[in-house]
Amino acid sequence: MGASAAETVNEIDRIRTRLDAEVRELERRLPASISWVKRGVGAAVGGGAGGTALFMMARRLRRSRKRKVEQRRVDRLLEVPWESIAADLKEALVSVRGPADSPDGPAMQRPRGRWAVASSVAAGLAVAVAVAQTVRSRAASLSVA
């Protein structure tokens, strides 16, 4: 058993030596410009892979930063006192249409005919302006605080 193992080791050494000699001979025959081309191709492939990895990491960081900014916006929006905005909206509606729960009914009767659409649009715009002013004032008070 020992003799065959020693023969196997010797055979492996001979094959390794022969392969090394053949590789050296090929390197000697290979022009120097081809080895430089190989290095250039290796650098280009490595640089491309590195650039791609860097781009993907930067994109991931931008996405996470964008999500954090959006989450902060949502959190600030949830901090707005919506009940007081609803009260202001109701007040704006009452100022436009009049109180709905008065004993005589609404102070302003619903328009009929061709003026119905125009008056509804005007009332809607008035309410929208009142709501926008309320929201803007609330946002300004939040940004200052």
N, C-alpha and C. Protein backbone atom coordinates (compact mmCIF):
# COMPACT_ATOMS: atom_id res chain seq x y z
N MET A 1 0.83 -1.19 0.00
CA MET A 1 0.00 0.00 0.00
C MET A 1 0.87 1.24 0.00
N GLY A 2 1.94 1.26 0.75
CA GLY A 2 2.81 2.42 0.83
C GLY A 2 3.51 2.69 -0.48
N ALA A 3 3.88 1.65 -1.21
CA ALA A 3 4.59 1.83 -2.48
C ALA A 3 3.67 2.46 -3.51
N SER A 4 2.40 2.05 -3.56
CA SER A 4 1.49 2.62 -4.55
C SER A 4 1.15 4.07 -4.21
N ALA A 5 1.10 4.40 -2.96
CA ALA A 5 0.84 5.77 -2.55
C ALA A 5 2.02 6.65 -2.93
N ALA A 6 3.22 6.16 -2.72
CA ALA A 6 4.41 6.93 -3.08
C ALA A 6 4.47 7.13 -4.60
N GLU A 7 4.10 6.08 -5.35
CA GLU A 7 4.07 6.21 -6.80
C GLU A 7 3.04 7.25 -7.24
N THR A 8 1.91 7.26 -6.59
CA THR A 8 0.86 8.23 -6.92
C THR A 8 1.34 9.65 -6.65
N VAL A 9 1.99 9.88 -5.52
CA VAL A 9 2.52 11.21 -5.18
C VAL A 9 3.55 11.63 -6.21
N ASN A 10 4.44 10.69 -6.59
CA ASN A 10 5.46 11.01 -7.60
C ASN A 10 4.81 11.36 -8.94
N GLU A 11 3.78 10.62 -9.32
CA GLU A 11 3.07 10.89 -10.57
C GLU A 11 2.41 12.28 -10.54
N ILE A 12 1.82 12.63 -9.42
CA ILE A 12 1.21 13.96 -9.28
C ILE A 12 2.27 15.04 -9.41
N ASP A 13 3.43 14.86 -8.78
CA ASP A 13 4.50 15.85 -8.88
C ASP A 13 4.98 16.00 -10.32
N ARG A 14 5.13 14.88 -11.04
CA ARG A 14 5.57 14.95 -12.44
C ARG A 14 4.54 15.69 -13.31
N ILE A 15 3.27 15.41 -13.09
CA ILE A 15 2.22 16.08 -13.87
C ILE A 15 2.21 17.57 -13.56
N ARG A 16 2.33 17.93 -12.31
CA ARG A 16 2.34 19.34 -11.90
C ARG A 16 3.53 20.06 -12.54
N THR A 17 4.69 19.44 -12.50
CA THR A 17 5.88 20.05 -13.07
C THR A 17 5.72 20.23 -14.58
N ARG A 18 5.18 19.20 -15.25
CA ARG A 18 4.97 19.29 -16.70
C ARG A 18 3.98 20.39 -17.05
N LEU A 19 2.87 20.50 -16.29
CA LEU A 19 1.88 21.54 -16.54
C LEU A 19 2.46 22.93 -16.31
N ASP A 20 3.26 23.10 -15.26
CA ASP A 20 3.91 24.39 -15.00
C ASP A 20 4.81 24.78 -16.16
N ALA A 21 5.56 23.82 -16.66
CA ALA A 21 6.46 24.11 -17.79
C ALA A 21 5.66 24.50 -19.03
N GLU A 22 4.55 23.83 -19.27
CA GLU A 22 3.73 24.17 -20.44
C GLU A 22 3.09 25.55 -20.31
N VAL A 23 2.64 25.89 -19.12
CA VAL A 23 2.05 27.22 -18.90
C VAL A 23 3.11 28.30 -19.10
N ARG A 24 4.32 28.09 -18.57
CA ARG A 24 5.40 29.07 -18.77
C ARG A 24 5.73 29.24 -20.24
N GLU A 25 5.73 28.13 -20.99
CA GLU A 25 6.01 28.19 -22.43
C GLU A 25 4.92 28.99 -23.15
N LEU A 26 3.64 28.78 -22.78
CA LEU A 26 2.55 29.55 -23.38
C LEU A 26 2.66 31.03 -23.04
N GLU A 27 3.02 31.34 -21.81
CA GLU A 27 3.18 32.74 -21.42
C GLU A 27 4.32 33.40 -22.20
N ARG A 28 5.39 32.63 -22.46
CA ARG A 28 6.51 33.17 -23.21
C ARG A 28 6.11 33.44 -24.65
N ARG A 29 5.28 32.57 -25.23
CA ARG A 29 4.86 32.71 -26.62
C ARG A 29 3.79 33.81 -26.79
N LEU A 30 3.05 34.08 -25.74
CA LEU A 30 1.97 35.06 -25.80
C LEU A 30 2.57 36.46 -25.90
N PRO A 31 2.11 37.26 -26.85
CA PRO A 31 2.66 38.63 -26.96
C PRO A 31 2.30 39.45 -25.72
N ALA A 32 3.11 40.44 -25.41
CA ALA A 32 2.91 41.28 -24.23
C ALA A 32 1.63 42.11 -24.35
N SER A 33 1.26 42.51 -25.57
CA SER A 33 0.07 43.33 -25.74
C SER A 33 -1.19 42.57 -25.34
N ILE A 34 -1.22 41.29 -25.56
CA ILE A 34 -2.40 40.51 -25.19
C ILE A 34 -2.54 40.46 -23.66
N SER A 35 -1.42 40.36 -22.97
CA SER A 35 -1.52 40.34 -21.50
C SER A 35 -2.06 41.68 -20.99
N TRP A 36 -1.67 42.80 -21.66
CA TRP A 36 -2.20 44.09 -21.27
C TRP A 36 -3.69 44.19 -21.58
N VAL A 37 -4.10 43.59 -22.69
CA VAL A 37 -5.52 43.59 -23.03
C VAL A 37 -6.30 42.79 -21.99
N LYS A 38 -5.73 41.67 -21.58
CA LYS A 38 -6.40 40.87 -20.55
C LYS A 38 -6.56 41.68 -19.26
N ARG A 39 -5.52 42.41 -18.90
CA ARG A 39 -5.61 43.24 -17.69
C ARG A 39 -6.66 44.33 -17.84
N GLY A 40 -6.68 44.95 -19.02
CA GLY A 40 -7.67 46.00 -19.28
C GLY A 40 -9.10 45.46 -19.24
N VAL A 41 -9.31 44.29 -19.83
CA VAL A 41 -10.64 43.68 -19.79
C VAL A 41 -11.02 43.35 -18.36
N GLY A 42 -10.09 42.83 -17.59
CA GLY A 42 -10.36 42.52 -16.18
C GLY A 42 -10.72 43.76 -15.40
N ALA A 43 -9.98 44.84 -15.65
CA ALA A 43 -10.28 46.10 -14.95
C ALA A 43 -11.65 46.64 -15.35
N ALA A 44 -11.99 46.53 -16.65
CA ALA A 44 -13.29 47.03 -17.11
C ALA A 44 -14.43 46.22 -16.50
N VAL A 45 -14.28 44.92 -16.49
CA VAL A 45 -15.34 44.08 -15.92
C VAL A 45 -15.46 44.33 -14.42
N GLY A 46 -14.33 44.42 -13.73
CA GLY A 46 -14.36 44.70 -12.29
C GLY A 46 -14.94 46.07 -11.99
N GLY A 47 -14.56 47.06 -12.80
CA GLY A 47 -15.10 48.41 -12.60
C GLY A 47 -16.59 48.47 -12.89
N GLY A 48 -17.03 47.76 -13.91
CA GLY A 48 -18.46 47.73 -14.23
C GLY A 48 -19.26 47.08 -13.11
N ALA A 49 -18.74 45.98 -12.59
CA ALA A 49 -19.45 45.30 -11.50
C ALA A 49 -19.47 46.18 -10.25
N GLY A 50 -18.34 46.81 -9.96
CA GLY A 50 -18.28 47.70 -8.80
C GLY A 50 -19.19 48.91 -8.95
N GLY A 51 -19.22 49.49 -10.16
CA GLY A 51 -20.09 50.63 -10.42
C GLY A 51 -21.57 50.26 -10.29
N THR A 52 -21.90 49.07 -10.80
CA THR A 52 -23.28 48.61 -10.68
C THR A 52 -23.68 48.43 -9.23
N ALA A 53 -22.79 47.81 -8.45
CA ALA A 53 -23.09 47.61 -7.03
C ALA A 53 -23.24 48.95 -6.31
N LEU A 54 -22.35 49.91 -6.64
CA LEU A 54 -22.43 51.24 -6.03
C LEU A 54 -23.74 51.94 -6.39
N PHE A 55 -24.14 51.85 -7.66
CA PHE A 55 -25.39 52.46 -8.11
C PHE A 55 -26.58 51.86 -7.38
N MET A 56 -26.59 50.53 -7.24
CA MET A 56 -27.71 49.88 -6.55
C MET A 56 -27.77 50.28 -5.09
N MET A 57 -26.62 50.40 -4.43
CA MET A 57 -26.61 50.82 -3.03
C MET A 57 -27.11 52.26 -2.90
N ALA A 58 -26.67 53.13 -3.80
CA ALA A 58 -27.11 54.53 -3.74
C ALA A 58 -28.62 54.63 -3.96
N ARG A 59 -29.13 53.85 -4.89
CA ARG A 59 -30.57 53.87 -5.14
C ARG A 59 -31.35 53.38 -3.93
N ARG A 60 -30.84 52.35 -3.28
CA ARG A 60 -31.50 51.84 -2.08
C ARG A 60 -31.50 52.89 -0.97
N LEU A 61 -30.38 53.59 -0.80
CA LEU A 61 -30.31 54.64 0.21
C LEU A 61 -31.29 55.77 -0.09
N ARG A 62 -31.39 56.16 -1.38
CA ARG A 62 -32.33 57.22 -1.75
C ARG A 62 -33.76 56.80 -1.46
N ARG A 63 -34.09 55.55 -1.77
CA ARG A 63 -35.45 55.07 -1.50
C ARG A 63 -35.77 55.10 -0.02
N SER A 64 -34.81 54.63 0.79
CA SER A 64 -35.09 54.60 2.23
C SER A 64 -35.22 56.02 2.78
N ARG A 65 -34.40 56.94 2.28
CA ARG A 65 -34.49 58.33 2.72
C ARG A 65 -35.83 58.92 2.30
N LYS A 66 -36.27 58.61 1.09
CA LYS A 66 -37.55 59.13 0.60
C LYS A 66 -38.70 58.58 1.44
N ARG A 67 -38.63 57.29 1.80
CA ARG A 67 -39.68 56.71 2.64
C ARG A 67 -39.73 57.39 4.00
N LYS A 68 -38.56 57.69 4.57
CA LYS A 68 -38.53 58.34 5.87
C LYS A 68 -39.14 59.74 5.79
N VAL A 69 -38.84 60.47 4.72
CA VAL A 69 -39.40 61.82 4.56
C VAL A 69 -40.92 61.73 4.42
N GLU A 70 -41.39 60.77 3.62
CA GLU A 70 -42.83 60.60 3.45
C GLU A 70 -43.49 60.21 4.76
N GLN A 71 -42.83 59.36 5.55
CA GLN A 71 -43.40 58.95 6.83
C GLN A 71 -43.48 60.14 7.78
N ARG A 72 -42.47 61.02 7.75
CA ARG A 72 -42.52 62.21 8.59
C ARG A 72 -43.68 63.11 8.17
N ARG A 73 -43.90 63.23 6.86
CA ARG A 73 -45.02 64.05 6.38
C ARG A 73 -46.34 63.48 6.86
N VAL A 74 -46.48 62.16 6.78
CA VAL A 74 -47.72 61.52 7.23
C VAL A 74 -47.89 61.73 8.73
N ASP A 75 -46.82 61.58 9.48
CA ASP A 75 -46.90 61.77 10.93
C ASP A 75 -47.32 63.21 11.26
N ARG A 76 -46.74 64.19 10.54
CA ARG A 76 -47.13 65.58 10.80
C ARG A 76 -48.58 65.82 10.41
N LEU A 77 -49.03 65.15 9.36
CA LEU A 77 -50.41 65.30 8.94
C LEU A 77 -51.36 64.72 9.98
N LEU A 78 -50.95 63.61 10.59
CA LEU A 78 -51.80 63.00 11.61
C LEU A 78 -51.84 63.81 12.89
N GLU A 79 -50.85 64.68 13.09
CA GLU A 79 -50.83 65.52 14.27
C GLU A 79 -51.77 66.73 14.15
N VAL A 80 -52.29 66.98 12.96
CA VAL A 80 -53.17 68.13 12.75
C VAL A 80 -54.47 67.90 13.51
N PRO A 81 -54.95 68.91 14.23
CA PRO A 81 -56.21 68.76 14.97
C PRO A 81 -57.41 68.80 14.03
N TRP A 82 -57.76 67.65 13.49
CA TRP A 82 -58.82 67.57 12.49
C TRP A 82 -60.18 67.98 13.05
N GLU A 83 -60.39 67.81 14.35
CA GLU A 83 -61.68 68.20 14.92
C GLU A 83 -61.89 69.70 14.81
N SER A 84 -60.84 70.47 15.09
CA SER A 84 -60.99 71.93 15.00
C SER A 84 -61.12 72.37 13.54
N ILE A 85 -60.47 71.64 12.62
CA ILE A 85 -60.64 71.96 11.20
C ILE A 85 -62.07 71.67 10.77
N ALA A 86 -62.64 70.56 11.29
CA ALA A 86 -64.04 70.25 10.96
C ALA A 86 -64.97 71.33 11.51
N ALA A 87 -64.67 71.84 12.70
CA ALA A 87 -65.49 72.91 13.26
C ALA A 87 -65.38 74.17 12.41
N ASP A 88 -64.16 74.49 11.95
CA ASP A 88 -63.97 75.65 11.09
C ASP A 88 -64.71 75.47 9.76
N LEU A 89 -64.71 74.26 9.25
CA LEU A 89 -65.41 73.97 8.01
C LEU A 89 -66.91 74.15 8.19
N LYS A 90 -67.41 73.68 9.32
CA LYS A 90 -68.85 73.85 9.59
C LYS A 90 -69.19 75.32 9.69
N GLU A 91 -68.31 76.07 10.33
CA GLU A 91 -68.52 77.51 10.45
C GLU A 91 -68.53 78.18 9.08
N ALA A 92 -67.63 77.73 8.20
CA ALA A 92 -67.58 78.29 6.84
C ALA A 92 -68.85 77.95 6.07
N LEU A 93 -69.34 76.73 6.24
CA LEU A 93 -70.59 76.34 5.58
C LEU A 93 -71.76 77.17 6.09
N VAL A 94 -71.79 77.41 7.40
CA VAL A 94 -72.88 78.20 7.97
C VAL A 94 -72.81 79.62 7.45
N SER A 95 -71.60 80.15 7.28
CA SER A 95 -71.48 81.52 6.79
C SER A 95 -71.92 81.62 5.34
N VAL A 96 -71.80 80.54 4.59
CA VAL A 96 -72.21 80.57 3.19
C VAL A 96 -73.70 80.29 3.05
N ARG A 97 -74.19 79.26 3.73
CA ARG A 97 -75.58 78.83 3.54
C ARG A 97 -76.53 79.28 4.65
N GLY A 98 -76.00 79.61 5.79
CA GLY A 98 -76.85 79.95 6.92
C GLY A 98 -77.04 78.73 7.80
N PRO A 99 -77.50 78.92 9.03
CA PRO A 99 -77.66 77.79 9.94
C PRO A 99 -78.74 76.84 9.45
N ALA A 100 -78.43 75.55 9.46
CA ALA A 100 -79.38 74.55 8.96
C ALA A 100 -80.39 74.16 10.02
N ASP A 101 -80.07 74.38 11.29
CA ASP A 101 -80.96 73.92 12.35
C ASP A 101 -81.80 75.05 12.97
N SER A 102 -81.99 76.13 12.23
CA SER A 102 -82.84 77.20 12.76
C SER A 102 -84.31 76.78 12.63
N PRO A 103 -85.21 77.34 13.42
CA PRO A 103 -86.62 76.94 13.36
C PRO A 103 -87.26 77.22 12.01
N ASP A 104 -86.77 78.24 11.31
CA ASP A 104 -87.34 78.59 10.01
C ASP A 104 -86.70 77.82 8.87
N GLY A 105 -85.76 76.96 9.18
CA GLY A 105 -85.04 76.24 8.12
C GLY A 105 -83.79 77.02 7.73
N PRO A 106 -83.13 76.60 6.68
CA PRO A 106 -81.91 77.30 6.27
C PRO A 106 -82.21 78.75 5.92
N ALA A 107 -81.29 79.64 6.24
CA ALA A 107 -81.49 81.06 5.98
C ALA A 107 -81.51 81.32 4.48
N MET A 108 -80.78 80.55 3.73
CA MET A 108 -80.74 80.75 2.30
C MET A 108 -81.48 79.59 1.63
N GLN A 109 -82.50 79.91 0.89
CA GLN A 109 -83.24 78.86 0.20
C GLN A 109 -82.42 78.32 -0.96
N ARG A 110 -82.65 77.08 -1.26
CA ARG A 110 -81.92 76.45 -2.35
C ARG A 110 -82.35 77.08 -3.68
N PRO A 111 -81.38 77.53 -4.49
CA PRO A 111 -81.74 78.17 -5.75
C PRO A 111 -82.36 77.17 -6.74
N ARG A 112 -83.20 77.68 -7.58
CA ARG A 112 -83.86 76.83 -8.56
C ARG A 112 -83.57 77.37 -9.97
N GLY A 113 -83.76 76.51 -10.95
CA GLY A 113 -83.61 76.94 -12.33
C GLY A 113 -82.16 77.04 -12.77
N ARG A 114 -81.94 78.02 -13.65
CA ARG A 114 -80.62 78.10 -14.26
C ARG A 114 -79.55 78.61 -13.31
N TRP A 115 -79.91 79.22 -12.21
CA TRP A 115 -78.93 79.72 -11.25
C TRP A 115 -78.50 78.66 -10.24
N ALA A 116 -79.11 77.50 -10.28
CA ALA A 116 -78.80 76.46 -9.29
C ALA A 116 -77.34 76.02 -9.39
N VAL A 117 -76.87 75.76 -10.60
CA VAL A 117 -75.50 75.29 -10.78
C VAL A 117 -74.50 76.39 -10.42
N ALA A 118 -74.75 77.60 -10.88
CA ALA A 118 -73.83 78.70 -10.61
C ALA A 118 -73.73 78.98 -9.12
N SER A 119 -74.85 78.97 -8.42
CA SER A 119 -74.79 79.26 -6.99
C SER A 119 -74.13 78.10 -6.24
N SER A 120 -74.34 76.86 -6.69
CA SER A 120 -73.68 75.72 -6.04
C SER A 120 -72.17 75.79 -6.23
N VAL A 121 -71.75 76.18 -7.43
CA VAL A 121 -70.32 76.33 -7.69
C VAL A 121 -69.75 77.44 -6.83
N ALA A 122 -70.44 78.54 -6.73
CA ALA A 122 -69.95 79.66 -5.92
C ALA A 122 -69.86 79.26 -4.45
N ALA A 123 -70.87 78.55 -3.96
CA ALA A 123 -70.83 78.11 -2.56
C ALA A 123 -69.68 77.12 -2.34
N GLY A 124 -69.48 76.22 -3.29
CA GLY A 124 -68.38 75.27 -3.18
C GLY A 124 -67.03 75.95 -3.18
N LEU A 125 -66.86 76.94 -4.04
CA LEU A 125 -65.61 77.70 -4.07
C LEU A 125 -65.40 78.46 -2.76
N ALA A 126 -66.45 79.03 -2.22
CA ALA A 126 -66.32 79.76 -0.96
C ALA A 126 -65.88 78.81 0.16
N VAL A 127 -66.48 77.64 0.19
CA VAL A 127 -66.10 76.66 1.22
C VAL A 127 -64.67 76.20 0.99
N ALA A 128 -64.29 75.95 -0.26
CA ALA A 128 -62.92 75.51 -0.56
C ALA A 128 -61.90 76.55 -0.13
N VAL A 129 -62.20 77.81 -0.38
CA VAL A 129 -61.29 78.89 0.03
C VAL A 129 -61.19 78.94 1.55
N ALA A 130 -62.32 78.80 2.23
CA ALA A 130 -62.30 78.84 3.70
C ALA A 130 -61.49 77.66 4.25
N VAL A 131 -61.67 76.48 3.66
CA VAL A 131 -60.92 75.31 4.13
C VAL A 131 -59.43 75.50 3.84
N ALA A 132 -59.10 76.00 2.66
CA ALA A 132 -57.69 76.20 2.31
C ALA A 132 -57.03 77.19 3.26
N GLN A 133 -57.73 78.26 3.60
CA GLN A 133 -57.18 79.23 4.55
C GLN A 133 -56.97 78.60 5.91
N THR A 134 -57.91 77.78 6.34
CA THR A 134 -57.80 77.12 7.64
C THR A 134 -56.62 76.17 7.65
N VAL A 135 -56.53 75.35 6.61
CA VAL A 135 -55.43 74.39 6.56
C VAL A 135 -54.09 75.10 6.47
N ARG A 136 -54.02 76.18 5.69
CA ARG A 136 -52.76 76.92 5.56
C ARG A 136 -52.36 77.53 6.90
N SER A 137 -53.31 78.08 7.62
CA SER A 137 -52.98 78.68 8.91
C SER A 137 -52.54 77.60 9.90
N ARG A 138 -53.20 76.43 9.85
CA ARG A 138 -52.80 75.34 10.76
C ARG A 138 -51.41 74.83 10.39
N ALA A 139 -51.13 74.71 9.10
CA ALA A 139 -49.80 74.24 8.67
C ALA A 139 -48.74 75.24 9.07
N ALA A 140 -49.03 76.52 8.95
CA ALA A 140 -48.07 77.54 9.34
C ALA A 140 -47.81 77.48 10.84
N SER A 141 -48.86 77.25 11.61
CA SER A 141 -48.64 77.17 13.07
C SER A 141 -47.86 75.92 13.45
N LEU A 142 -48.02 74.83 12.67
CA LEU A 142 -47.24 73.62 12.94
C LEU A 142 -45.78 73.78 12.54
N SER A 143 -45.53 74.46 11.42
CA SER A 143 -44.14 74.62 10.95
C SER A 143 -43.37 75.56 11.86
N VAL A 144 -44.05 76.52 12.46
CA VAL A 144 -43.38 77.45 13.37
C VAL A 144 -43.04 76.74 14.66
N ALA A 145 -43.92 75.86 15.12
CA ALA A 145 -43.72 75.18 16.40
C ALA A 145 -42.69 74.12 16.34
